[in-house]
Amino acid sequence: VSLGPDVRANCVSPGWIDVSGEALRPEDHAQHPAGRVGRVEDIAALVA
């Protein structure tokens, strides 16, 4: 509101994002309605 219309501002709120390549269990993925834990690229693409 303060910087518009010159500058847009938005917020991304990630959930569980696998940032370390940890060993994930099938149930870790299955509990998500999307069917998997998030990846860093999911957030990067949204920001882009």
All heavy atoms as atom14 arrays in JSON, in Angstrom:
{
  "sequence": "VSLGPDVRANCVSPGWIDVSGEALRPEDHAQHPAGRVGRVEDIAALVA",
  "atom14_mask": [
    [1, 1, 1, 1, 1, 1, 1, 0, 0, 0, 0, 0, 0, 0],
    [1, 1, 1, 1, 1, 1, 0, 0, 0, 0, 0, 0, 0, 0],
    [1, 1, 1, 1, 1, 1, 1, 1, 0, 0, 0, 0, 0, 0],
    [1, 1, 1, 1, 0, 0, 0, 0, 0, 0, 0, 0, 0, 0],
    [1, 1, 1, 1, 1, 1, 1, 0, 0, 0, 0, 0, 0, 0],
    [1, 1, 1, 1, 1, 1, 1, 1, 0, 0, 0, 0, 0, 0],
    [1, 1, 1, 1, 1, 1, 1, 0, 0, 0, 0, 0, 0, 0],
    [1, 1, 1, 1, 1, 1, 1, 1, 1, 1, 1, 0, 0, 0],
    [1, 1, 1, 1, 1, 0, 0, 0, 0, 0, 0, 0, 0, 0],
    [1, 1, 1, 1, 1, 1, 1, 1, 0, 0, 0, 0, 0, 0],
    [1, 1, 1, 1, 1, 1, 0, 0, 0, 0, 0, 0, 0, 0],
    [1, 1, 1, 1, 1, 1, 1, 0, 0, 0, 0, 0, 0, 0],
    [1, 1, 1, 1, 1, 1, 0, 0, 0, 0, 0, 0, 0, 0],
    [1, 1, 1, 1, 1, 1, 1, 0, 0, 0, 0, 0, 0, 0],
    [1, 1, 1, 1, 0, 0, 0, 0, 0, 0, 0, 0, 0, 0],
    [1, 1, 1, 1, 1, 1, 1, 1, 1, 1, 1, 1, 1, 1],
    [1, 1, 1, 1, 1, 1, 1, 1, 0, 0, 0, 0, 0, 0],
    [1, 1, 1, 1, 1, 1, 1, 1, 0, 0, 0, 0, 0, 0],
    [1, 1, 1, 1, 1, 1, 1, 0, 0, 0, 0, 0, 0, 0],
    [1, 1, 1, 1, 1, 1, 0, 0, 0, 0, 0, 0, 0, 0],
    [1, 1, 1, 1, 0, 0, 0, 0, 0, 0, 0, 0, 0, 0],
    [1, 1, 1, 1, 1, 1, 1, 1, 1, 0, 0, 0, 0, 0],
    [1, 1, 1, 1, 1, 0, 0, 0, 0, 0, 0, 0, 0, 0],
    [1, 1, 1, 1, 1, 1, 1, 1, 0, 0, 0, 0, 0, 0],
    [1, 1, 1, 1, 1, 1, 1, 1, 1, 1, 1, 0, 0, 0],
    [1, 1, 1, 1, 1, 1, 1, 0, 0, 0, 0, 0, 0, 0],
    [1, 1, 1, 1, 1, 1, 1, 1, 1, 0, 0, 0, 0, 0],
    [1, 1, 1, 1, 1, 1, 1, 1, 0, 0, 0, 0, 0, 0],
    [1, 1, 1, 1, 1, 1, 1, 1, 1, 1, 0, 0, 0, 0],
    [1, 1, 1, 1, 1, 0, 0, 0, 0, 0, 0, 0, 0, 0],
    [1, 1, 1, 1, 1, 1, 1, 1, 1, 0, 0, 0, 0, 0],
    [1, 1, 1, 1, 1, 1, 1, 1, 1, 1, 0, 0, 0, 0],
    [1, 1, 1, 1, 1, 1, 1, 0, 0, 0, 0, 0, 0, 0],
    [1, 1, 1, 1, 1, 0, 0, 0, 0, 0, 0, 0, 0, 0],
    [1, 1, 1, 1, 0, 0, 0, 0, 0, 0, 0, 0, 0, 0],
    [1, 1, 1, 1, 1, 1, 1, 1, 1, 1, 1, 0, 0, 0],
    [1, 1, 1, 1, 1, 1, 1, 0, 0, 0, 0, 0, 0, 0],
    [1, 1, 1, 1, 0, 0, 0, 0, 0, 0, 0, 0, 0, 0],
    [1, 1, 1, 1, 1, 1, 1, 1, 1, 1, 1, 0, 0, 0],
    [1, 1, 1, 1, 1, 1, 1, 0, 0, 0, 0, 0, 0, 0],
    [1, 1, 1, 1, 1, 1, 1, 1, 1, 0, 0, 0, 0, 0],
    [1, 1, 1, 1, 1, 1, 1, 1, 0, 0, 0, 0, 0, 0],
    [1, 1, 1, 1, 1, 1, 1, 1, 0, 0, 0, 0, 0, 0],
    [1, 1, 1, 1, 1, 0, 0, 0, 0, 0, 0, 0, 0, 0],
    [1, 1, 1, 1, 1, 0, 0, 0, 0, 0, 0, 0, 0, 0],
    [1, 1, 1, 1, 1, 1, 1, 1, 0, 0, 0, 0, 0, 0],
    [1, 1, 1, 1, 1, 1, 1, 0, 0, 0, 0, 0, 0, 0],
    [1, 1, 1, 1, 1, 0, 0, 0, 0, 0, 0, 0, 0, 0]
  ],
  "atom14_positions": [
    [[0.83, -1.21, 0.0], [0.0, 0.0, 0.0], [0.86, 1.26, 0.0], [0.6, 2.22, -0.73], [-0.96, -0.02, 1.2], [-1.72, 1.29, 1.3], [-1.93, -1.19, 1.09], [0.0, 0.0, 0.0], [0.0, 0.0, 0.0], [0.0, 0.0, 0.0], [0.0, 0.0, 0.0], [0.0, 0.0, 0.0], [0.0, 0.0, 0.0], [0.0, 0.0, 0.0]],
    [[1.92, 1.26, 0.78], [2.76, 2.45, 0.91], [3.58, 2.73, -0.35], [3.79, 3.89, -0.7], [3.71, 2.3, 2.1], [2.99, 2.19, 3.31], [0.0, 0.0, 0.0], [0.0, 0.0, 0.0], [0.0, 0.0, 0.0], [0.0, 0.0, 0.0], [0.0, 0.0, 0.0], [0.0, 0.0, 0.0], [0.0, 0.0, 0.0], [0.0, 0.0, 0.0]],
    [[4.06, 1.68, -1.01], [4.97, 1.86, -2.14], [4.27, 1.8, -3.5], [4.88, 2.11, -4.51], [6.09, 0.81, -2.08], [6.95, 0.79, -0.82], [8.04, -0.26, -0.94], [7.53, 2.15, -0.51], [0.0, 0.0, 0.0], [0.0, 0.0, 0.0], [0.0, 0.0, 0.0], [0.0, 0.0, 0.0], [0.0, 0.0, 0.0], [0.0, 0.0, 0.0]],
    [[3.02, 1.37, -3.52], [2.3, 1.32, -4.78], [1.96, 2.71, -5.28], [1.88, 3.66, -4.5], [0.0, 0.0, 0.0], [0.0, 0.0, 0.0], [0.0, 0.0, 0.0], [0.0, 0.0, 0.0], [0.0, 0.0, 0.0], [0.0, 0.0, 0.0], [0.0, 0.0, 0.0], [0.0, 0.0, 0.0], [0.0, 0.0, 0.0], [0.0, 0.0, 0.0]],
    [[1.79, 2.91, -6.58], [1.84, 1.86, -7.61], [3.23, 1.59, -8.17], [3.38, 0.72, -9.04], [0.93, 2.44, -8.71], [1.17, 3.92, -8.62], [1.35, 4.2, -7.15], [0.0, 0.0, 0.0], [0.0, 0.0, 0.0], [0.0, 0.0, 0.0], [0.0, 0.0, 0.0], [0.0, 0.0, 0.0], [0.0, 0.0, 0.0], [0.0, 0.0, 0.0]],
    [[4.24, 2.3, -7.68], [5.58, 2.13, -8.24], [6.16, 0.75, -7.96], [6.85, 0.17, -8.81], [6.54, 3.19, -7.67], [6.17, 4.6, -8.06], [5.48, 4.76, -9.09], [6.55, 5.54, -7.34], [0.0, 0.0, 0.0], [0.0, 0.0, 0.0], [0.0, 0.0, 0.0], [0.0, 0.0, 0.0], [0.0, 0.0, 0.0], [0.0, 0.0, 0.0]],
    [[5.93, 0.25, -6.75], [6.55, -1.0, -6.32], [5.46, -1.96, -5.84], [4.6, -1.58, -5.04], [7.55, -0.76, -5.17], [8.19, -2.07, -4.71], [8.63, 0.23, -5.61], [0.0, 0.0, 0.0], [0.0, 0.0, 0.0], [0.0, 0.0, 0.0], [0.0, 0.0, 0.0], [0.0, 0.0, 0.0], [0.0, 0.0, 0.0], [0.0, 0.0, 0.0]],
    [[5.48, -3.18, -6.34], [4.6, -4.22, -5.84], [5.29, -4.99, -4.71], [6.52, -5.12, -4.7], [4.23, -5.2, -6.97], [3.44, -4.58, -8.09], [3.08, -5.6, -9.17], [4.25, -6.19, -9.81], [4.68, -7.43, -9.62], [4.03, -8.24, -8.79], [5.76, -7.87, -10.25], [0.0, 0.0, 0.0], [0.0, 0.0, 0.0], [0.0, 0.0, 0.0]],
    [[4.5, -5.51, -3.77], [5.05, -6.3, -2.67], [4.13, -7.49, -2.4], [2.91, -7.32, -2.23], [5.2, -5.46, -1.41], [0.0, 0.0, 0.0], [0.0, 0.0, 0.0], [0.0, 0.0, 0.0], [0.0, 0.0, 0.0], [0.0, 0.0, 0.0], [0.0, 0.0, 0.0], [0.0, 0.0, 0.0], [0.0, 0.0, 0.0], [0.0, 0.0, 0.0]],
    [[4.69, -8.67, -2.37], [3.95, -9.9, -2.12], [4.74, -10.81, -1.19], [5.96, -10.68, -1.06], [3.66, -10.63, -3.43], [2.66, -9.91, -4.29], [1.47, -9.88, -3.99], [3.14, -9.29, -5.37], [0.0, 0.0, 0.0], [0.0, 0.0, 0.0], [0.0, 0.0, 0.0], [0.0, 0.0, 0.0], [0.0, 0.0, 0.0], [0.0, 0.0, 0.0]],
    [[4.02, -11.72, -0.56], [4.6, -12.62, 0.42], [4.39, -14.06, -0.02], [3.29, -14.42, -0.44], [3.93, -12.37, 1.78], [4.46, -13.46, 3.1], [0.0, 0.0, 0.0], [0.0, 0.0, 0.0], [0.0, 0.0, 0.0], [0.0, 0.0, 0.0], [0.0, 0.0, 0.0], [0.0, 0.0, 0.0], [0.0, 0.0, 0.0], [0.0, 0.0, 0.0]],
    [[5.42, -14.87, 0.1], [5.32, -16.31, -0.13], [5.47, -17.02, 1.21], [6.43, -16.76, 1.95], [6.4, -16.8, -1.12], [6.38, -18.33, -1.23], [6.18, -16.18, -2.49], [0.0, 0.0, 0.0], [0.0, 0.0, 0.0], [0.0, 0.0, 0.0], [0.0, 0.0, 0.0], [0.0, 0.0, 0.0], [0.0, 0.0, 0.0], [0.0, 0.0, 0.0]],
    [[4.53, -17.9, 1.52], [4.57, -18.65, 2.77], [4.75, -20.13, 2.48], [3.77, -20.84, 2.19], [3.28, -18.42, 3.57], [3.22, -17.1, 4.05], [0.0, 0.0, 0.0], [0.0, 0.0, 0.0], [0.0, 0.0, 0.0], [0.0, 0.0, 0.0], [0.0, 0.0, 0.0], [0.0, 0.0, 0.0], [0.0, 0.0, 0.0], [0.0, 0.0, 0.0]],
    [[5.98, -20.62, 2.53], [6.21, -22.05, 2.28], [5.76, -22.91, 3.46], [5.75, -22.48, 4.61], [7.73, -22.14, 2.1], [8.21, -20.73, 1.92], [7.24, -19.89, 2.69], [0.0, 0.0, 0.0], [0.0, 0.0, 0.0], [0.0, 0.0, 0.0], [0.0, 0.0, 0.0], [0.0, 0.0, 0.0], [0.0, 0.0, 0.0], [0.0, 0.0, 0.0]],
    [[5.43, -24.14, 3.13], [5.25, -25.17, 4.15], [6.52, -25.98, 4.28], [7.62, -25.42, 4.34], [0.0, 0.0, 0.0], [0.0, 0.0, 0.0], [0.0, 0.0, 0.0], [0.0, 0.0, 0.0], [0.0, 0.0, 0.0], [0.0, 0.0, 0.0], [0.0, 0.0, 0.0], [0.0, 0.0, 0.0], [0.0, 0.0, 0.0], [0.0, 0.0, 0.0]],
    [[6.39, -27.3, 4.3], [7.55, -28.18, 4.43], [8.26, -28.23, 3.08], [7.75, -28.74, 2.09], [7.09, -29.57, 4.84], [8.2, -30.56, 5.08], [9.54, -30.39, 4.85], [8.04, -31.89, 5.59], [10.23, -31.53, 5.18], [9.34, -32.47, 5.65], [6.95, -32.63, 6.0], [9.54, -33.77, 6.09], [7.15, -33.93, 6.44], [8.44, -34.49, 6.5]],
    [[9.45, -27.65, 3.05], [10.29, -27.66, 1.86], [11.58, -28.42, 2.18], [12.27, -28.11, 3.15], [10.64, -26.23, 1.39], [9.38, -25.38, 1.21], [11.47, -26.28, 0.11], [8.42, -25.89, 0.16], [0.0, 0.0, 0.0], [0.0, 0.0, 0.0], [0.0, 0.0, 0.0], [0.0, 0.0, 0.0], [0.0, 0.0, 0.0], [0.0, 0.0, 0.0]],
    [[11.88, -29.41, 1.38], [13.09, -30.2, 1.57], [14.29, -29.4, 1.06], [14.52, -29.33, -0.14], [12.97, -31.52, 0.82], [14.21, -32.4, 0.97], [15.04, -32.12, 1.86], [14.36, -33.35, 0.18], [0.0, 0.0, 0.0], [0.0, 0.0, 0.0], [0.0, 0.0, 0.0], [0.0, 0.0, 0.0], [0.0, 0.0, 0.0], [0.0, 0.0, 0.0]],
    [[15.03, -28.82, 1.99], [16.16, -27.96, 1.6], [17.51, -28.69, 1.72], [18.52, -28.15, 1.31], [16.21, -26.67, 2.45], [14.96, -25.85, 2.22], [16.39, -26.99, 3.93], [0.0, 0.0, 0.0], [0.0, 0.0, 0.0], [0.0, 0.0, 0.0], [0.0, 0.0, 0.0], [0.0, 0.0, 0.0], [0.0, 0.0, 0.0], [0.0, 0.0, 0.0]],
    [[17.5, -29.9, 2.25], [18.78, -30.57, 2.51], [18.89, -31.95, 1.88], [19.88, -32.65, 2.08], [18.99, -30.71, 4.03], [17.94, -31.47, 4.62], [0.0, 0.0, 0.0], [0.0, 0.0, 0.0], [0.0, 0.0, 0.0], [0.0, 0.0, 0.0], [0.0, 0.0, 0.0], [0.0, 0.0, 0.0], [0.0, 0.0, 0.0], [0.0, 0.0, 0.0]],
    [[17.89, -32.36, 1.11], [17.94, -33.68, 0.52], [17.87, -34.78, 1.55], [18.42, -35.87, 1.36], [0.0, 0.0, 0.0], [0.0, 0.0, 0.0], [0.0, 0.0, 0.0], [0.0, 0.0, 0.0], [0.0, 0.0, 0.0], [0.0, 0.0, 0.0], [0.0, 0.0, 0.0], [0.0, 0.0, 0.0], [0.0, 0.0, 0.0], [0.0, 0.0, 0.0]],
    [[17.16, -34.51, 2.66], [17.06, -35.51, 3.73], [16.29, -36.74, 3.26], [15.54, -36.7, 2.28], [16.35, -34.88, 4.93], [14.95, -34.36, 4.63], [14.36, -33.56, 5.77], [14.27, -34.13, 6.87], [13.98, -32.41, 5.54], [0.0, 0.0, 0.0], [0.0, 0.0, 0.0], [0.0, 0.0, 0.0], [0.0, 0.0, 0.0], [0.0, 0.0, 0.0]],
    [[16.48, -37.83, 3.98], [15.76, -39.06, 3.66], [14.32, -38.92, 4.12], [14.05, -38.8, 5.32], [16.43, -40.25, 4.34], [0.0, 0.0, 0.0], [0.0, 0.0, 0.0], [0.0, 0.0, 0.0], [0.0, 0.0, 0.0], [0.0, 0.0, 0.0], [0.0, 0.0, 0.0], [0.0, 0.0, 0.0], [0.0, 0.0, 0.0], [0.0, 0.0, 0.0]],
    [[13.4, -38.91, 3.18], [11.99, -38.73, 3.49], [11.25, -40.05, 3.38], [11.54, -40.88, 2.51], [11.37, -37.7, 2.55], [11.97, -36.29, 2.63], [11.41, -35.4, 1.52], [11.68, -35.67, 3.99], [0.0, 0.0, 0.0], [0.0, 0.0, 0.0], [0.0, 0.0, 0.0], [0.0, 0.0, 0.0], [0.0, 0.0, 0.0], [0.0, 0.0, 0.0]],
    [[10.26, -40.24, 4.25], [9.47, -41.47, 4.26], [8.26, -41.33, 3.32], [7.8, -40.21, 3.06], [8.98, -41.74, 5.69], [10.09, -41.8, 6.74], [9.49, -41.75, 8.13], [8.72, -40.52, 8.31], [7.89, -40.3, 9.33], [7.71, -41.24, 10.26], [7.24, -39.16, 9.42], [0.0, 0.0, 0.0], [0.0, 0.0, 0.0], [0.0, 0.0, 0.0]],
    [[7.73, -42.43, 2.85], [6.51, -42.34, 2.03], [5.39, -41.58, 2.72], [4.66, -40.82, 2.08], [6.15, -43.81, 1.8], [7.45, -44.54, 1.9], [8.24, -43.81, 2.94], [0.0, 0.0, 0.0], [0.0, 0.0, 0.0], [0.0, 0.0, 0.0], [0.0, 0.0, 0.0], [0.0, 0.0, 0.0], [0.0, 0.0, 0.0], [0.0, 0.0, 0.0]],
    [[5.26, -41.76, 4.04], [4.19, -41.07, 4.77], [4.43, -39.56, 4.86], [3.48, -38.78, 5.02], [3.99, -41.67, 6.16], [5.23, -41.75, 7.02], [5.91, -43.11, 6.96], [6.0, -43.7, 5.85], [6.36, -43.58, 8.03], [0.0, 0.0, 0.0], [0.0, 0.0, 0.0], [0.0, 0.0, 0.0], [0.0, 0.0, 0.0], [0.0, 0.0, 0.0]],
    [[5.69, -39.13, 4.78], [5.97, -37.69, 4.75], [5.35, -37.06, 3.51], [4.75, -35.98, 3.58], [7.48, -37.44, 4.74], [8.16, -37.89, 6.02], [7.53, -37.86, 7.08], [9.35, -38.28, 5.94], [0.0, 0.0, 0.0], [0.0, 0.0, 0.0], [0.0, 0.0, 0.0], [0.0, 0.0, 0.0], [0.0, 0.0, 0.0], [0.0, 0.0, 0.0]],
    [[5.5, -37.74, 2.38], [4.91, -37.25, 1.14], [3.39, -37.42, 1.14], [2.65, -36.51, 0.76], [5.5, -38.01, -0.05], [6.95, -37.76, -0.27], [7.45, -36.54, -0.71], [8.03, -38.56, -0.1], [8.77, -36.61, -0.83], [9.15, -37.83, -0.45], [0.0, 0.0, 0.0], [0.0, 0.0, 0.0], [0.0, 0.0, 0.0], [0.0, 0.0, 0.0]],
    [[2.92, -38.6, 1.58], [1.51, -38.95, 1.45], [0.6, -38.05, 2.27], [-0.57, -37.88, 1.9], [1.31, -40.41, 1.85], [0.0, 0.0, 0.0], [0.0, 0.0, 0.0], [0.0, 0.0, 0.0], [0.0, 0.0, 0.0], [0.0, 0.0, 0.0], [0.0, 0.0, 0.0], [0.0, 0.0, 0.0], [0.0, 0.0, 0.0], [0.0, 0.0, 0.0]],
    [[1.1, -37.47, 3.36], [0.23, -36.63, 4.19], [-0.15, -35.32, 3.5], [-1.09, -34.65, 3.89], [0.89, -36.34, 5.53], [2.12, -35.45, 5.44], [2.71, -35.14, 6.8], [2.01, -34.7, 7.72], [4.0, -35.41, 6.95], [0.0, 0.0, 0.0], [0.0, 0.0, 0.0], [0.0, 0.0, 0.0], [0.0, 0.0, 0.0], [0.0, 0.0, 0.0]],
    [[0.58, -34.95, 2.46], [0.3, -33.72, 1.73], [-0.79, -33.97, 0.68], [-0.68, -34.91, -0.11], [1.56, -33.21, 1.02], [2.61, -32.68, 1.94], [3.43, -33.51, 2.68], [2.97, -31.41, 2.23], [4.26, -32.76, 3.4], [4.0, -31.48, 3.15], [0.0, 0.0, 0.0], [0.0, 0.0, 0.0], [0.0, 0.0, 0.0], [0.0, 0.0, 0.0]],
    [[-1.82, -33.13, 0.62], [-2.8, -33.27, -0.45], [-2.17, -33.25, -1.85], [-2.71, -33.86, -2.77], [-3.72, -32.06, -0.23], [-3.68, -31.84, 1.24], [-2.25, -32.13, 1.63], [0.0, 0.0, 0.0], [0.0, 0.0, 0.0], [0.0, 0.0, 0.0], [0.0, 0.0, 0.0], [0.0, 0.0, 0.0], [0.0, 0.0, 0.0], [0.0, 0.0, 0.0]],
    [[-1.04, -32.55, -2.01], [-0.35, -32.54, -3.3], [0.43, -33.82, -3.57], [0.92, -34.03, -4.68], [0.6, -31.35, -3.38], [0.0, 0.0, 0.0], [0.0, 0.0, 0.0], [0.0, 0.0, 0.0], [0.0, 0.0, 0.0], [0.0, 0.0, 0.0], [0.0, 0.0, 0.0], [0.0, 0.0, 0.0], [0.0, 0.0, 0.0], [0.0, 0.0, 0.0]],
    [[0.58, -34.66, -2.55], [1.22, -35.96, -2.73], [2.71, -35.99, -2.49], [3.34, -37.04, -2.65], [0.0, 0.0, 0.0], [0.0, 0.0, 0.0], [0.0, 0.0, 0.0], [0.0, 0.0, 0.0], [0.0, 0.0, 0.0], [0.0, 0.0, 0.0], [0.0, 0.0, 0.0], [0.0, 0.0, 0.0], [0.0, 0.0, 0.0], [0.0, 0.0, 0.0]],
    [[3.29, -34.87, -2.12], [4.74, -34.87, -1.88], [5.13, -33.68, -1.01], [4.4, -32.69, -0.91], [5.51, -34.81, -3.2], [5.29, -33.54, -4.01], [6.23, -33.46, -5.21], [5.97, -32.31, -6.08], [6.46, -31.09, -5.88], [7.24, -30.84, -4.84], [6.19, -30.11, -6.74], [0.0, 0.0, 0.0], [0.0, 0.0, 0.0], [0.0, 0.0, 0.0]],
    [[6.32, -33.8, -0.43], [6.96, -32.68, 0.27], [7.44, -31.68, -0.78], [7.77, -32.04, -1.92], [8.13, -33.2, 1.12], [8.95, -32.05, 1.71], [7.61, -34.11, 2.23], [0.0, 0.0, 0.0], [0.0, 0.0, 0.0], [0.0, 0.0, 0.0], [0.0, 0.0, 0.0], [0.0, 0.0, 0.0], [0.0, 0.0, 0.0], [0.0, 0.0, 0.0]],
    [[7.48, -30.39, -0.39], [7.89, -29.36, -1.33], [9.37, -29.38, -1.64], [10.18, -29.92, -0.89], [0.0, 0.0, 0.0], [0.0, 0.0, 0.0], [0.0, 0.0, 0.0], [0.0, 0.0, 0.0], [0.0, 0.0, 0.0], [0.0, 0.0, 0.0], [0.0, 0.0, 0.0], [0.0, 0.0, 0.0], [0.0, 0.0, 0.0], [0.0, 0.0, 0.0]],
    [[9.7, -28.8, -2.79], [11.09, -28.67, -3.21], [11.45, -27.18, -3.29], [10.59, -26.33, -3.51], [11.29, -29.31, -4.59], [10.81, -30.75, -4.69], [11.08, -31.31, -6.08], [10.49, -32.63, -6.23], [9.46, -32.92, -7.02], [8.89, -31.96, -7.75], [8.98, -34.15, -7.09], [0.0, 0.0, 0.0], [0.0, 0.0, 0.0], [0.0, 0.0, 0.0]],
    [[12.73, -26.89, -3.18], [13.2, -25.51, -3.28], [12.74, -24.87, -4.58], [12.32, -23.71, -4.61], [14.74, -25.46, -3.15], [15.27, -24.09, -3.52], [15.16, -25.83, -1.72], [0.0, 0.0, 0.0], [0.0, 0.0, 0.0], [0.0, 0.0, 0.0], [0.0, 0.0, 0.0], [0.0, 0.0, 0.0], [0.0, 0.0, 0.0], [0.0, 0.0, 0.0]],
    [[12.77, -25.62, -5.66], [12.39, -25.08, -6.96], [10.92, -24.65, -7.0], [10.55, -23.75, -7.77], [12.68, -26.08, -8.07], [12.47, -25.56, -9.48], [13.3, -24.33, -9.82], [14.38, -24.13, -9.2], [12.88, -23.57, -10.71], [0.0, 0.0, 0.0], [0.0, 0.0, 0.0], [0.0, 0.0, 0.0], [0.0, 0.0, 0.0], [0.0, 0.0, 0.0]],
    [[10.06, -25.29, -6.19], [8.67, -24.87, -6.13], [8.56, -23.42, -5.68], [7.77, -22.63, -6.22], [7.88, -25.75, -5.14], [7.79, -27.2, -5.58], [7.63, -27.44, -6.79], [7.87, -28.08, -4.71], [0.0, 0.0, 0.0], [0.0, 0.0, 0.0], [0.0, 0.0, 0.0], [0.0, 0.0, 0.0], [0.0, 0.0, 0.0], [0.0, 0.0, 0.0]],
    [[9.35, -23.05, -4.69], [9.32, -21.68, -4.17], [10.02, -20.73, -5.13], [9.55, -19.62, -5.39], [9.97, -21.62, -2.77], [9.33, -22.65, -1.83], [9.85, -20.22, -2.2], [7.83, -22.54, -1.69], [0.0, 0.0, 0.0], [0.0, 0.0, 0.0], [0.0, 0.0, 0.0], [0.0, 0.0, 0.0], [0.0, 0.0, 0.0], [0.0, 0.0, 0.0]],
    [[11.14, -21.17, -5.69], [11.89, -20.31, -6.61], [11.06, -19.94, -7.83], [11.06, -18.78, -8.28], [13.18, -21.02, -7.04], [0.0, 0.0, 0.0], [0.0, 0.0, 0.0], [0.0, 0.0, 0.0], [0.0, 0.0, 0.0], [0.0, 0.0, 0.0], [0.0, 0.0, 0.0], [0.0, 0.0, 0.0], [0.0, 0.0, 0.0], [0.0, 0.0, 0.0]],
    [[10.32, -20.9, -8.37], [9.5, -20.63, -9.55], [8.38, -19.64, -9.23], [8.05, -18.76, -10.04], [8.92, -21.92, -10.1], [0.0, 0.0, 0.0], [0.0, 0.0, 0.0], [0.0, 0.0, 0.0], [0.0, 0.0, 0.0], [0.0, 0.0, 0.0], [0.0, 0.0, 0.0], [0.0, 0.0, 0.0], [0.0, 0.0, 0.0], [0.0, 0.0, 0.0]],
    [[7.8, -19.76, -8.05], [6.74, -18.84, -7.63], [7.29, -17.44, -7.45], [6.68, -16.45, -7.91], [6.1, -19.35, -6.34], [5.0, -18.49, -5.72], [3.89, -18.19, -6.71], [4.45, -19.18, -4.47], [0.0, 0.0, 0.0], [0.0, 0.0, 0.0], [0.0, 0.0, 0.0], [0.0, 0.0, 0.0], [0.0, 0.0, 0.0], [0.0, 0.0, 0.0]],
    [[8.44, -17.32, -6.83], [9.06, -16.0, -6.65], [9.39, -15.38, -8.0], [9.16, -14.18, -8.22], [10.33, -16.11, -5.77], [11.11, -14.8, -5.76], [9.96, -16.5, -4.34], [0.0, 0.0, 0.0], [0.0, 0.0, 0.0], [0.0, 0.0, 0.0], [0.0, 0.0, 0.0], [0.0, 0.0, 0.0], [0.0, 0.0, 0.0], [0.0, 0.0, 0.0]],
    [[9.93, -16.18, -8.91], [10.27, -15.66, -10.23], [9.05, -15.11, -10.94], [9.12, -14.07, -11.62], [10.95, -16.75, -11.07], [0.0, 0.0, 0.0], [0.0, 0.0, 0.0], [0.0, 0.0, 0.0], [0.0, 0.0, 0.0], [0.0, 0.0, 0.0], [0.0, 0.0, 0.0], [0.0, 0.0, 0.0], [0.0, 0.0, 0.0], [0.0, 0.0, 0.0]]
  ]
}
